[in-house]
Amino acid sequence: MLPRPSPFDFRRRLSAGERLVGTFVKTPTTHAIEILGDLGFDFVVIDEEHAPFNRESTDIALLAARASGTAGIVRVPDASPAGILSTLDCGATGVLVPHVATVETARGVAAASRYRRGKRGYSGSTRAGRYGATTVWDTVDTADAQTAVIAMIEDPEAVENIDAIVKVDGIDGFFIGRGDLTVAFGAPSNAAPVIQTAVERIMNAARTVGKPVCVMVNSAEEAESFHRLGASAFIVSSDQGFMRRAAAQALKDFATPAASGQS
């Protein structure tokens, strides 16, 4: 068996277009992350935007990601520098930033996430700084080399501005938020032509500048179709989704005559 890639290598692997598989984590405990990491997921996305995480629970979740050998990405609630700094100080491998709809927002996100040519606030006493174990510039250079910054493209305005957004230095890749795009466009589903057109436009823009694209998919078959379009990183379900699916199947199995002993 080949050695498992280091979670600290996530940014390089993402930028190289390696096929990566991750999932959202919605429950603010360590256990799901430990299981997912043990199974071999490349990354988990700790969801501060749509789940009840705070700085303390995010901090513990990121520790679980490190302990289980999976990259800990955090979807922050918004593009505020304070939220990005908090996440990165806790030791996140990267950030997934929602609603990056303008070049100005993209530049602000990149600046908040980087020390050199950016505006990230410095502290060597955090987990990211190994609690003071390294020098200032070793900490700076390691963080800048390893931190993955992924912009979520999920607004009609973002689609209109995509050719300029993809060129922003310091943004490593893009997540296509088909759910938000579907709602924003008033489309009947994420398979509607207007959403497909938006997806292709985002994919083409990212390909032009050689940056990776991540999408959420329902199956390996759907992932393959997106891979042909250029996507390389895939988010599959969530810890809650996996639990609901397995629990529903178990309940269904026990409802059959064979399980109940009936003839």
C-alpha atoms as a PDB file:
ATOM      1  CA  MET A   1       0.000   0.000   0.000  1.00  0.00           C
ATOM      2  CA  LEU A   2       1.308   3.444  -0.922  1.00  0.00           C
ATOM      3  CA  PRO A   3       1.908   5.852   1.981  1.00  0.00           C
ATOM      4  CA  ARG A   4      -1.000   8.192   2.606  1.00  0.00           C
ATOM      5  CA  PRO A   5      -0.383  11.821   1.530  1.00  0.00           C
ATOM      6  CA  SER A   6       0.129  14.312   4.313  1.00  0.00           C
ATOM      7  CA  PRO A   7      -2.840  16.609   5.000  1.00  0.00           C
ATOM      8  CA  PHE A   8      -0.353  19.471   4.888  1.00  0.00           C
ATOM      9  CA  ASP A   9       0.139  18.635   1.214  1.00  0.00           C
ATOM     10  CA  PHE A  10      -3.484  19.412   0.383  1.00  0.00           C
ATOM     11  CA  ARG A  11      -2.832  22.752  -1.319  1.00  0.00           C
ATOM     12  CA  ARG A  12      -0.195  21.292  -3.613  1.00  0.00           C
ATOM     13  CA  ARG A  13      -2.407  18.345  -4.492  1.00  0.00           C
ATOM     14  CA  LEU A  14      -5.388  20.611  -5.151  1.00  0.00           C
ATOM     15  CA  SER A  15      -3.359  22.937  -7.365  1.00  0.00           C
ATOM     16  CA  ALA A  16      -1.906  19.966  -9.245  1.00  0.00           C
ATOM     17  CA  GLY A  17      -5.400  18.798 -10.169  1.00  0.00           C
ATOM     18  CA  GLU A  18      -5.234  15.531  -8.244  1.00  0.00           C
ATOM     19  CA  ARG A  19      -8.603  13.885  -7.732  1.00  0.00           C
ATOM     20  CA  LEU A  20      -9.573  14.600  -4.117  1.00  0.00           C
ATOM     21  CA  VAL A  21     -12.611  13.415  -2.165  1.00  0.00           C
ATOM     22  CA  GLY A  22     -14.022  15.099   0.905  1.00  0.00           C
ATOM     23  CA  THR A  23     -17.253  15.685   2.785  1.00  0.00           C
ATOM     24  CA  PHE A  24     -18.938  18.347   4.877  1.00  0.00           C
ATOM     25  CA  VAL A  25     -18.967  17.997   8.654  1.00  0.00           C
ATOM     26  CA  LYS A  26     -22.074  19.508  10.217  1.00  0.00           C
ATOM     27  CA  THR A  27     -21.942  18.053  13.740  1.00  0.00           C
ATOM     28  CA  PRO A  28     -19.611  19.855  16.174  1.00  0.00           C
ATOM     29  CA  THR A  29     -17.911  16.776  17.608  1.00  0.00           C
ATOM     30  CA  THR A  30     -14.659  15.001  16.820  1.00  0.00           C
ATOM     31  CA  HIS A  31     -16.051  11.537  16.175  1.00  0.00           C
ATOM     32  CA  ALA A  32     -17.291  11.879  12.601  1.00  0.00           C
ATOM     33  CA  ILE A  33     -14.006  13.517  11.595  1.00  0.00           C
ATOM     34  CA  GLU A  34     -11.999  10.717  13.173  1.00  0.00           C
ATOM     35  CA  ILE A  35     -14.047   8.117  11.298  1.00  0.00           C
ATOM     36  CA  LEU A  36     -13.803   9.963   7.987  1.00  0.00           C
ATOM     37  CA  GLY A  37     -10.070  10.449   8.395  1.00  0.00           C
ATOM     38  CA  ASP A  38      -9.574   6.818   9.321  1.00  0.00           C
ATOM     39  CA  LEU A  39     -11.470   5.766   6.196  1.00  0.00           C
ATOM     40  CA  GLY A  40      -9.088   7.794   4.049  1.00  0.00           C
ATOM     41  CA  PHE A  41     -11.033  10.884   2.990  1.00  0.00           C
ATOM     42  CA  ASP A  42      -8.622  13.458   1.578  1.00  0.00           C
ATOM     43  CA  PHE A  43     -10.329  16.333   3.373  1.00  0.00           C
ATOM     44  CA  VAL A  44     -13.260  17.367   5.517  1.00  0.00           C
ATOM     45  CA  VAL A  45     -15.040  20.708   5.363  1.00  0.00           C
ATOM     46  CA  ILE A  46     -15.971  21.935   8.830  1.00  0.00           C
ATOM     47  CA  ASP A  47     -19.075  24.018   8.214  1.00  0.00           C
ATOM     48  CA  GLU A  48     -19.230  27.251  10.172  1.00  0.00           C
ATOM     49  CA  GLU A  49     -21.689  28.772   7.690  1.00  0.00           C
ATOM     50  CA  HIS A  50     -24.593  26.332   7.990  1.00  0.00           C
ATOM     51  CA  ALA A  51     -23.829  24.340  11.158  1.00  0.00           C
ATOM     52  CA  PRO A  52     -23.435  25.213  14.886  1.00  0.00           C
ATOM     53  CA  PHE A  53     -19.651  25.579  15.046  1.00  0.00           C
ATOM     54  CA  ASN A  54     -17.945  28.291  17.088  1.00  0.00           C
ATOM     55  CA  ARG A  55     -14.249  28.977  17.587  1.00  0.00           C
ATOM     56  CA  GLU A  56     -13.916  26.407  20.361  1.00  0.00           C
ATOM     57  CA  SER A  57     -15.670  23.584  18.495  1.00  0.00           C
ATOM     58  CA  THR A  58     -13.807  24.444  15.284  1.00  0.00           C
ATOM     59  CA  ASP A  59     -10.529  24.321  17.199  1.00  0.00           C
ATOM     60  CA  ILE A  60     -11.293  20.810  18.487  1.00  0.00           C
ATOM     61  CA  ALA A  61     -12.559  19.671  15.087  1.00  0.00           C
ATOM     62  CA  LEU A  62      -9.311  20.762  13.443  1.00  0.00           C
ATOM     63  CA  LEU A  63      -7.337  18.878  16.073  1.00  0.00           C
ATOM     64  CA  ALA A  64      -9.365  15.762  15.185  1.00  0.00           C
ATOM     65  CA  ALA A  65      -8.587  16.279  11.501  1.00  0.00           C
ATOM     66  CA  ARG A  66      -4.867  16.434  12.218  1.00  0.00           C
ATOM     67  CA  ALA A  67      -5.034  13.391  14.476  1.00  0.00           C
ATOM     68  CA  SER A  68      -6.836  11.321  11.837  1.00  0.00           C
ATOM     69  CA  GLY A  69      -4.633  12.391   8.926  1.00  0.00           C
ATOM     70  CA  THR A  70      -7.161  14.318   6.846  1.00  0.00           C
ATOM     71  CA  ALA A  71      -6.966  17.929   5.694  1.00  0.00           C
ATOM     72  CA  GLY A  72      -9.195  20.203   7.760  1.00  0.00           C
ATOM     73  CA  ILE A  73     -10.833  22.864   5.590  1.00  0.00           C
ATOM     74  CA  VAL A  74     -13.245  25.329   7.187  1.00  0.00           C
ATOM     75  CA  ARG A  75     -16.172  26.911   5.411  1.00  0.00           C
ATOM     76  CA  VAL A  76     -16.212  30.261   7.172  1.00  0.00           C
ATOM     77  CA  PRO A  77     -19.511  32.139   7.591  1.00  0.00           C
ATOM     78  CA  ASP A  78     -18.436  35.030   5.372  1.00  0.00           C
ATOM     79  CA  ALA A  79     -15.428  36.791   3.885  1.00  0.00           C
ATOM     80  CA  SER A  80     -14.525  38.802   6.992  1.00  0.00           C
ATOM     81  CA  PRO A  81     -10.783  38.892   7.775  1.00  0.00           C
ATOM     82  CA  ALA A  82     -11.473  38.184  11.464  1.00  0.00           C
ATOM     83  CA  GLY A  83     -13.297  34.941  10.707  1.00  0.00           C
ATOM     84  CA  ILE A  84     -10.612  33.787   8.290  1.00  0.00           C
ATOM     85  CA  LEU A  85      -7.843  34.621  10.783  1.00  0.00           C
ATOM     86  CA  SER A  86      -9.568  32.758  13.600  1.00  0.00           C
ATOM     87  CA  THR A  87      -9.887  29.636  11.470  1.00  0.00           C
ATOM     88  CA  LEU A  88      -6.315  29.711  10.220  1.00  0.00           C
ATOM     89  CA  ASP A  89      -4.892  30.352  13.687  1.00  0.00           C
ATOM     90  CA  CYS A  90      -6.700  27.201  14.848  1.00  0.00           C
ATOM     91  CA  GLY A  91      -4.696  25.282  12.267  1.00  0.00           C
ATOM     92  CA  ALA A  92      -7.034  24.935   9.292  1.00  0.00           C
ATOM     93  CA  THR A  93      -5.389  23.558   6.166  1.00  0.00           C
ATOM     94  CA  GLY A  94      -7.514  25.970   4.180  1.00  0.00           C
ATOM     95  CA  VAL A  95     -10.655  28.043   3.968  1.00  0.00           C
ATOM     96  CA  LEU A  96     -13.757  27.742   1.813  1.00  0.00           C
ATOM     97  CA  VAL A  97     -15.229  31.236   1.557  1.00  0.00           C
ATOM     98  CA  PRO A  98     -18.878  31.739   0.559  1.00  0.00           C
ATOM     99  CA  HIS A  99     -20.317  34.338  -1.809  1.00  0.00           C
ATOM    100  CA  VAL A 100     -17.139  35.596  -3.438  1.00  0.00           C
ATOM    101  CA  ALA A 101     -18.989  37.591  -6.072  1.00  0.00           C
ATOM    102  CA  THR A 102     -16.577  40.410  -6.924  1.00  0.00           C
ATOM    103  CA  VAL A 103     -12.893  40.934  -7.609  1.00  0.00           C
ATOM    104  CA  GLU A 104     -12.714  43.173  -4.547  1.00  0.00           C
ATOM    105  CA  THR A 105     -14.066  40.413  -2.298  1.00  0.00           C
ATOM    106  CA  ALA A 106     -11.675  37.878  -3.813  1.00  0.00           C
ATOM    107  CA  ARG A 107      -8.720  40.189  -3.211  1.00  0.00           C
ATOM    108  CA  GLY A 108      -9.817  40.736   0.379  1.00  0.00           C
ATOM    109  CA  VAL A 109     -10.095  36.999   0.980  1.00  0.00           C
ATOM    110  CA  ALA A 110      -6.638  36.384  -0.476  1.00  0.00           C
ATOM    111  CA  ALA A 111      -5.118  39.187   1.596  1.00  0.00           C
ATOM    112  CA  ALA A 112      -6.709  37.916   4.823  1.00  0.00           C
ATOM    113  CA  SER A 113      -5.306  34.429   4.166  1.00  0.00           C
ATOM    114  CA  ARG A 114      -1.680  35.325   3.346  1.00  0.00           C
ATOM    115  CA  TYR A 115       1.182  36.945   5.227  1.00  0.00           C
ATOM    116  CA  ARG A 116       3.483  37.938   2.368  1.00  0.00           C
ATOM    117  CA  ARG A 117       1.689  40.241  -0.068  1.00  0.00           C
ATOM    118  CA  GLY A 118      -1.305  39.953   2.249  1.00  0.00           C
ATOM    119  CA  LYS A 119      -2.677  41.237   5.537  1.00  0.00           C
ATOM    120  CA  ARG A 120      -2.994  38.136   7.720  1.00  0.00           C
ATOM    121  CA  GLY A 121      -2.372  39.006  11.351  1.00  0.00           C
ATOM    122  CA  TYR A 122       0.629  37.248  12.857  1.00  0.00           C
ATOM    123  CA  SER A 123       0.857  35.211  16.039  1.00  0.00           C
ATOM    124  CA  GLY A 124       3.370  32.457  16.657  1.00  0.00           C
ATOM    125  CA  SER A 125       1.593  31.221  19.784  1.00  0.00           C
ATOM    126  CA  THR A 126      -1.269  29.457  17.963  1.00  0.00           C
ATOM    127  CA  ARG A 127      -1.570  25.880  16.696  1.00  0.00           C
ATOM    128  CA  ALA A 128      -0.732  27.247  13.243  1.00  0.00           C
ATOM    129  CA  GLY A 129       2.516  28.594  14.724  1.00  0.00           C
ATOM    130  CA  ARG A 130       3.191  25.341  16.593  1.00  0.00           C
ATOM    131  CA  TYR A 131       2.802  27.231  19.858  1.00  0.00           C
ATOM    132  CA  GLY A 132       6.009  29.182  19.402  1.00  0.00           C
ATOM    133  CA  ALA A 133       8.174  26.295  18.171  1.00  0.00           C
ATOM    134  CA  THR A 134       9.341  28.011  14.971  1.00  0.00           C
ATOM    135  CA  THR A 135      10.763  31.375  14.016  1.00  0.00           C
ATOM    136  CA  VAL A 136       8.593  34.167  12.671  1.00  0.00           C
ATOM    137  CA  TRP A 137       9.612  33.757   9.043  1.00  0.00           C
ATOM    138  CA  ASP A 138       9.507  29.952   9.123  1.00  0.00           C
ATOM    139  CA  THR A 139       5.932  30.245  10.391  1.00  0.00           C
ATOM    140  CA  VAL A 140       5.063  32.797   7.717  1.00  0.00           C
ATOM    141  CA  ASP A 141       6.555  30.845   4.834  1.00  0.00           C
ATOM    142  CA  THR A 142       5.106  27.504   5.950  1.00  0.00           C
ATOM    143  CA  ALA A 143       1.631  28.972   6.340  1.00  0.00           C
ATOM    144  CA  ASP A 144       1.731  30.743   2.994  1.00  0.00           C
ATOM    145  CA  ALA A 145       2.894  27.567   1.270  1.00  0.00           C
ATOM    146  CA  GLN A 146       0.301  25.280   2.868  1.00  0.00           C
ATOM    147  CA  THR A 147      -2.866  27.372   3.209  1.00  0.00           C
ATOM    148  CA  ALA A 148      -5.453  26.603   0.519  1.00  0.00           C
ATOM    149  CA  VAL A 149      -7.879  29.404  -0.312  1.00  0.00           C
ATOM    150  CA  ILE A 150     -11.021  28.333  -2.167  1.00  0.00           C
ATOM    151  CA  ALA A 151     -13.630  30.852  -3.297  1.00  0.00           C
ATOM    152  CA  MET A 152     -17.266  29.775  -3.536  1.00  0.00           C
ATOM    153  CA  ILE A 153     -18.919  30.927  -6.757  1.00  0.00           C
ATOM    154  CA  GLU A 154     -22.618  30.847  -5.994  1.00  0.00           C
ATOM    155  CA  ASP A 155     -24.157  34.136  -7.118  1.00  0.00           C
ATOM    156  CA  PRO A 156     -25.224  35.378 -10.569  1.00  0.00           C
ATOM    157  CA  GLU A 157     -22.944  38.390  -9.998  1.00  0.00           C
ATOM    158  CA  ALA A 158     -20.012  36.048  -9.425  1.00  0.00           C
ATOM    159  CA  VAL A 159     -20.726  34.251 -12.693  1.00  0.00           C
ATOM    160  CA  GLU A 160     -20.762  37.584 -14.526  1.00  0.00           C
ATOM    161  CA  ASN A 161     -17.432  38.549 -12.916  1.00  0.00           C
ATOM    162  CA  ILE A 162     -15.815  35.111 -13.127  1.00  0.00           C
ATOM    163  CA  ASP A 163     -13.229  35.922 -15.798  1.00  0.00           C
ATOM    164  CA  ALA A 164     -11.739  38.592 -13.536  1.00  0.00           C
ATOM    165  CA  ILE A 165     -12.213  36.714 -10.242  1.00  0.00           C
ATOM    166  CA  VAL A 166     -10.220  33.681 -11.407  1.00  0.00           C
ATOM    167  CA  LYS A 167      -7.204  35.895 -12.088  1.00  0.00           C
ATOM    168  CA  VAL A 168      -6.916  37.128  -8.488  1.00  0.00           C
ATOM    169  CA  ASP A 169      -3.544  36.123  -7.065  1.00  0.00           C
ATOM    170  CA  GLY A 170      -3.802  34.172  -3.833  1.00  0.00           C
ATOM    171  CA  ILE A 171      -7.065  32.406  -4.669  1.00  0.00           C
ATOM    172  CA  ASP A 172      -6.122  28.767  -5.239  1.00  0.00           C
ATOM    173  CA  GLY A 173      -9.370  27.310  -6.531  1.00  0.00           C
ATOM    174  CA  PHE A 174     -13.126  27.588  -6.827  1.00  0.00           C
ATOM    175  CA  PHE A 175     -16.138  25.739  -5.462  1.00  0.00           C
ATOM    176  CA  ILE A 176     -19.280  25.903  -7.593  1.00  0.00           C
ATOM    177  CA  GLY A 177     -22.257  26.362  -5.289  1.00  0.00           C
ATOM    178  CA  ARG A 178     -24.986  24.878  -7.440  1.00  0.00           C
ATOM    179  CA  GLY A 179     -27.562  25.020  -4.645  1.00  0.00           C
ATOM    180  CA  ASP A 180     -27.263  28.766  -4.146  1.00  0.00           C
ATOM    181  CA  LEU A 181     -27.071  29.354  -7.895  1.00  0.00           C
ATOM    182  CA  THR A 182     -30.286  27.357  -8.352  1.00  0.00           C
ATOM    183  CA  VAL A 183     -32.105  29.479  -5.766  1.00  0.00           C
ATOM    184  CA  ALA A 184     -30.625  32.747  -7.033  1.00  0.00           C
ATOM    185  CA  PHE A 185     -31.596  32.042 -10.623  1.00  0.00           C
ATOM    186  CA  GLY A 186     -35.004  30.676  -9.610  1.00  0.00           C
ATOM    187  CA  ALA A 187     -34.234  27.471 -11.524  1.00  0.00           C
ATOM    188  CA  PRO A 188     -36.317  24.303 -11.041  1.00  0.00           C
ATOM    189  CA  SER A 189     -33.212  22.256 -10.200  1.00  0.00           C
ATOM    190  CA  ASN A 190     -29.432  22.315 -10.445  1.00  0.00           C
ATOM    191  CA  ALA A 191     -29.747  20.440 -13.733  1.00  0.00           C
ATOM    192  CA  ALA A 192     -31.589  23.344 -15.369  1.00  0.00           C
ATOM    193  CA  PRO A 193     -29.967  24.825 -18.497  1.00  0.00           C
ATOM    194  CA  VAL A 194     -29.221  28.156 -16.795  1.00  0.00           C
ATOM    195  CA  ILE A 195     -27.252  26.347 -14.074  1.00  0.00           C
ATOM    196  CA  GLN A 196     -25.449  24.124 -16.564  1.00  0.00           C
ATOM    197  CA  THR A 197     -24.442  27.211 -18.528  1.00  0.00           C
ATOM    198  CA  ALA A 198     -23.147  28.886 -15.363  1.00  0.00           C
ATOM    199  CA  VAL A 199     -21.184  25.766 -14.385  1.00  0.00           C
ATOM    200  CA  GLU A 200     -19.554  25.542 -17.798  1.00  0.00           C
ATOM    201  CA  ARG A 201     -18.689  29.239 -17.744  1.00  0.00           C
ATOM    202  CA  ILE A 202     -17.005  28.890 -14.331  1.00  0.00           C
ATOM    203  CA  MET A 203     -15.165  25.745 -15.412  1.00  0.00           C
ATOM    204  CA  ASN A 204     -13.894  27.380 -18.584  1.00  0.00           C
ATOM    205  CA  ALA A 205     -12.677  30.479 -16.746  1.00  0.00           C
ATOM    206  CA  ALA A 206     -10.818  28.411 -14.148  1.00  0.00           C
ATOM    207  CA  ARG A 207      -9.263  26.234 -16.839  1.00  0.00           C
ATOM    208  CA  THR A 208      -7.995  29.334 -18.645  1.00  0.00           C
ATOM    209  CA  VAL A 209      -5.853  30.308 -15.645  1.00  0.00           C
ATOM    210  CA  GLY A 210      -5.005  26.735 -14.621  1.00  0.00           C
ATOM    211  CA  LYS A 211      -6.849  26.736 -11.298  1.00  0.00           C
ATOM    212  CA  PRO A 212      -8.809  23.773  -9.890  1.00  0.00           C
ATOM    213  CA  VAL A 213     -12.555  23.470  -9.410  1.00  0.00           C
ATOM    214  CA  CYS A 214     -14.401  21.665  -6.622  1.00  0.00           C
ATOM    215  CA  VAL A 215     -18.061  20.596  -6.780  1.00  0.00           C
ATOM    216  CA  MET A 216     -20.488  18.797  -4.527  1.00  0.00           C
ATOM    217  CA  VAL A 217     -21.778  15.590  -6.105  1.00  0.00           C
ATOM    218  CA  ASN A 218     -24.281  12.880  -5.286  1.00  0.00           C
ATOM    219  CA  SER A 219     -22.338   9.923  -6.669  1.00  0.00           C
ATOM    220  CA  ALA A 220     -19.131   8.732  -8.297  1.00  0.00           C
ATOM    221  CA  GLU A 221     -20.950   8.752 -11.628  1.00  0.00           C
ATOM    222  CA  GLU A 222     -21.848  12.416 -11.263  1.00  0.00           C
ATOM    223  CA  ALA A 223     -18.269  13.165 -10.209  1.00  0.00           C
ATOM    224  CA  GLU A 224     -17.010  11.530 -13.384  1.00  0.00           C
ATOM    225  CA  SER A 225     -19.188  13.773 -15.521  1.00  0.00           C
ATOM    226  CA  PHE A 226     -17.832  16.839 -13.745  1.00  0.00           C
ATOM    227  CA  HIS A 227     -14.301  15.510 -14.030  1.00  0.00           C
ATOM    228  CA  ARG A 228     -14.699  15.455 -17.789  1.00  0.00           C
ATOM    229  CA  LEU A 229     -15.609  19.148 -17.589  1.00  0.00           C
ATOM    230  CA  GLY A 230     -12.494  19.886 -15.555  1.00  0.00           C
ATOM    231  CA  ALA A 231     -13.377  19.460 -11.867  1.00  0.00           C
ATOM    232  CA  SER A 232     -10.843  17.598  -9.737  1.00  0.00           C
ATOM    233  CA  ALA A 233     -12.047  17.924  -6.125  1.00  0.00           C
ATOM    234  CA  PHE A 234     -15.367  16.512  -4.978  1.00  0.00           C
ATOM    235  CA  ILE A 235     -17.453  16.927  -1.836  1.00  0.00           C
ATOM    236  CA  VAL A 236     -19.775  13.987  -1.203  1.00  0.00           C
ATOM    237  CA  SER A 237     -22.650  14.390   1.252  1.00  0.00           C
ATOM    238  CA  SER A 238     -21.930  15.203   4.917  1.00  0.00           C
ATOM    239  CA  ASP A 239     -21.572  13.388   8.209  1.00  0.00           C
ATOM    240  CA  GLN A 240     -25.307  13.902   8.764  1.00  0.00           C
ATOM    241  CA  GLY A 241     -26.103  12.761   5.231  1.00  0.00           C
ATOM    242  CA  PHE A 242     -24.093   9.571   5.634  1.00  0.00           C
ATOM    243  CA  MET A 243     -25.757   8.829   8.971  1.00  0.00           C
ATOM    244  CA  ARG A 244     -29.270   9.494   7.648  1.00  0.00           C
ATOM    245  CA  ARG A 245     -28.709   7.292   4.602  1.00  0.00           C
ATOM    246  CA  ALA A 246     -27.319   4.387   6.642  1.00  0.00           C
ATOM    247  CA  ALA A 247     -30.025   4.718   9.292  1.00  0.00           C
ATOM    248  CA  ALA A 248     -32.795   4.827   6.680  1.00  0.00           C
ATOM    249  CA  GLN A 249     -31.421   1.718   5.013  1.00  0.00           C
ATOM    250  CA  ALA A 250     -31.205  -0.129   8.336  1.00  0.00           C
ATOM    251  CA  LEU A 251     -34.791   0.791   9.187  1.00  0.00           C
ATOM    252  CA  LYS A 252     -35.927  -0.314   5.741  1.00  0.00           C
ATOM    253  CA  ASP A 253     -34.092  -3.628   6.143  1.00  0.00           C
ATOM    254  CA  PHE A 254     -35.804  -4.310   9.468  1.00  0.00           C
ATOM    255  CA  ALA A 255     -39.204  -3.471   7.998  1.00  0.00           C
ATOM    256  CA  THR A 256     -39.025  -6.357   5.528  1.00  0.00           C
ATOM    257  CA  PRO A 257     -40.784  -9.687   6.297  1.00  0.00           C
ATOM    258  CA  ALA A 258     -37.453 -11.507   6.389  1.00  0.00           C
ATOM    259  CA  ALA A 259     -36.100  -9.212   9.106  1.00  0.00           C
ATOM    260  CA  SER A 260     -39.245  -9.442  11.219  1.00  0.00           C
ATOM    261  CA  GLY A 261     -39.528 -13.191  10.884  1.00  0.00           C
ATOM    262  CA  GLN A 262     -42.831 -13.040   9.031  1.00  0.00           C
ATOM    263  CA  SER A 263     -43.597 -15.321   6.088  1.00  0.00           C
END
